[in-house]
Protein backbone atom coordinates (compact mmCIF):
# COMPACT_ATOMS: atom_id res chain seq x y z
CA TYR A 1 266.71 -40.92 165.31
CA GLU A 2 265.84 -41.83 168.85
CA GLU A 3 262.32 -43.02 167.98
CA GLU A 4 263.70 -45.33 165.30
CA GLY A 5 266.43 -46.68 167.57
CA LEU A 6 269.23 -45.52 165.29
CA PHE A 7 271.50 -44.42 168.13
CA ASP A 8 271.17 -47.84 169.76
CA ARG A 9 271.73 -49.48 166.38
CA ALA A 10 274.93 -47.48 165.88
CA LYS A 11 276.14 -48.54 169.33
CA GLU A 12 275.51 -52.20 168.47
CA LEU A 13 277.31 -51.93 165.13
CA GLU A 14 280.31 -49.95 166.39
CA PRO A 15 282.40 -52.98 167.53
CA VAL A 16 281.45 -54.91 164.38
CA PHE A 17 282.53 -51.98 162.21
CA GLU A 18 285.74 -51.46 164.18
CA ASP A 19 286.72 -55.14 163.93
CA ALA A 20 285.91 -55.25 160.22
CA LEU A 21 287.85 -52.08 159.47
CA HIS A 22 290.88 -53.03 161.54
CA SER A 23 290.97 -56.47 159.90
CA LEU A 24 292.53 -54.60 156.97
CA LYS A 25 295.69 -53.86 158.97
CA GLY A 26 298.69 -55.45 157.37
CA SER A 27 297.17 -55.18 153.90
CA ASN A 28 299.42 -53.84 151.17
CA GLN A 29 299.70 -50.03 151.22
CA VAL A 30 297.69 -49.62 154.47
CA ILE A 31 299.56 -47.27 156.83
CA ASP A 32 296.88 -46.49 159.40
CA ILE A 33 293.22 -47.14 160.19
CA ARG A 34 291.16 -44.83 162.37
CA ASN A 35 287.58 -44.99 163.47
CA ILE A 36 285.06 -43.64 165.90
CA GLY A 37 281.50 -44.89 165.99
CA LEU A 38 280.45 -45.71 162.43
CA MET A 39 283.00 -43.42 160.81
CA GLY A 40 286.37 -44.66 159.67
CA ALA A 41 289.33 -43.86 157.45
CA ILE A 42 292.07 -45.93 155.86
CA HIS A 43 295.37 -44.16 155.14
CA PHE A 44 297.41 -45.56 152.27
CA GLY A 45 301.16 -45.30 151.78
CA SER A 46 303.39 -45.52 148.76
CA GLU A 47 304.66 -48.93 147.80
CA GLY A 48 304.78 -49.00 144.04
CA ILE A 49 301.76 -47.00 142.91
CA PRO A 50 301.53 -43.51 144.50
CA ALA A 51 299.01 -43.40 147.35
CA THR A 52 297.16 -40.49 145.73
CA GLU A 53 296.50 -42.78 142.75
CA PHE A 54 295.85 -45.85 144.90
CA ALA A 55 292.87 -44.48 146.87
CA PRO A 56 290.86 -43.44 143.78
CA LYS A 57 291.41 -46.89 142.27
CA VAL A 58 290.20 -48.54 145.49
CA PHE A 59 287.17 -46.24 145.37
CA GLN A 60 286.41 -47.23 141.77
CA TYR A 61 286.75 -50.94 142.54
CA CYS A 62 284.35 -50.60 145.48
CA TYR A 63 281.93 -48.51 143.42
CA ASP A 64 281.88 -51.16 140.70
CA LYS A 65 280.98 -53.73 143.39
CA ASP A 66 278.13 -51.54 144.73
CA VAL A 67 280.01 -50.47 147.86
CA LEU A 68 280.05 -46.72 148.36
CA VAL A 69 283.14 -45.22 149.99
CA ARG A 70 284.80 -41.83 149.56
CA PHE A 71 288.39 -40.99 148.80
CA SER A 72 290.39 -37.94 149.68
CA ALA A 73 294.00 -37.81 148.50
CA ASP A 74 295.52 -40.96 150.03
CA TYR A 75 292.56 -41.93 152.26
CA ILE A 76 289.43 -44.00 151.89
CA VAL A 77 286.72 -42.63 154.17
CA LEU A 78 283.73 -44.66 155.32
CA SER A 79 280.49 -43.86 157.10
CA PRO A 80 277.88 -46.55 156.58
CA PRO A 81 274.26 -45.58 157.22
CA LEU A 82 272.90 -46.09 160.72
CA ILE A 83 270.38 -48.58 159.32
CA ALA A 84 273.18 -50.88 158.10
CA GLU A 85 273.15 -54.55 159.09
CA THR A 86 276.14 -56.69 160.09
CA SER A 87 276.07 -58.27 156.62
CA HIS A 88 276.54 -54.82 155.05
CA ILE A 89 279.58 -54.13 157.23
CA GLU A 90 281.02 -57.52 156.26
CA LYS A 91 280.46 -56.74 152.56
CA ILE A 92 282.23 -53.40 152.94
CA ALA A 93 285.27 -55.03 154.60
CA ASP A 94 285.40 -57.93 152.13
CA THR A 95 285.15 -55.59 149.15
CA LEU A 96 287.87 -53.32 150.54
CA LYS A 97 290.16 -56.34 151.01
CA GLU A 98 289.52 -57.39 147.41
CA ALA A 99 290.06 -53.83 146.18
CA ILE A 100 293.35 -53.38 148.02
CA SER A 101 294.61 -56.72 146.75
CA SER A 102 293.43 -56.08 143.20
CA VAL A 103 294.84 -52.56 142.93
CA SER A 104 298.20 -53.43 144.57
């Protein structure tokens, strides 16, 4: 990792990832957003559709748009690869915004 500069890359991307992830605050169903480094989680609440049904639908929307996230109960969990570029982080955030809006 060190030889390839992945730790430095992660450090550079951390604020980009944090800003992108936290830009989802205020979106429908979003209760909380947490992150550290290049790991993050979005916690969904229950407005209309149950949160435990909402997260899998957000996952499926993202998957269909070639964005890989994980879901666990009422969370979407993210950990982009350390080789990700800023454009990849932007695509993740944009796709999540679309997914949340579409599923709501």
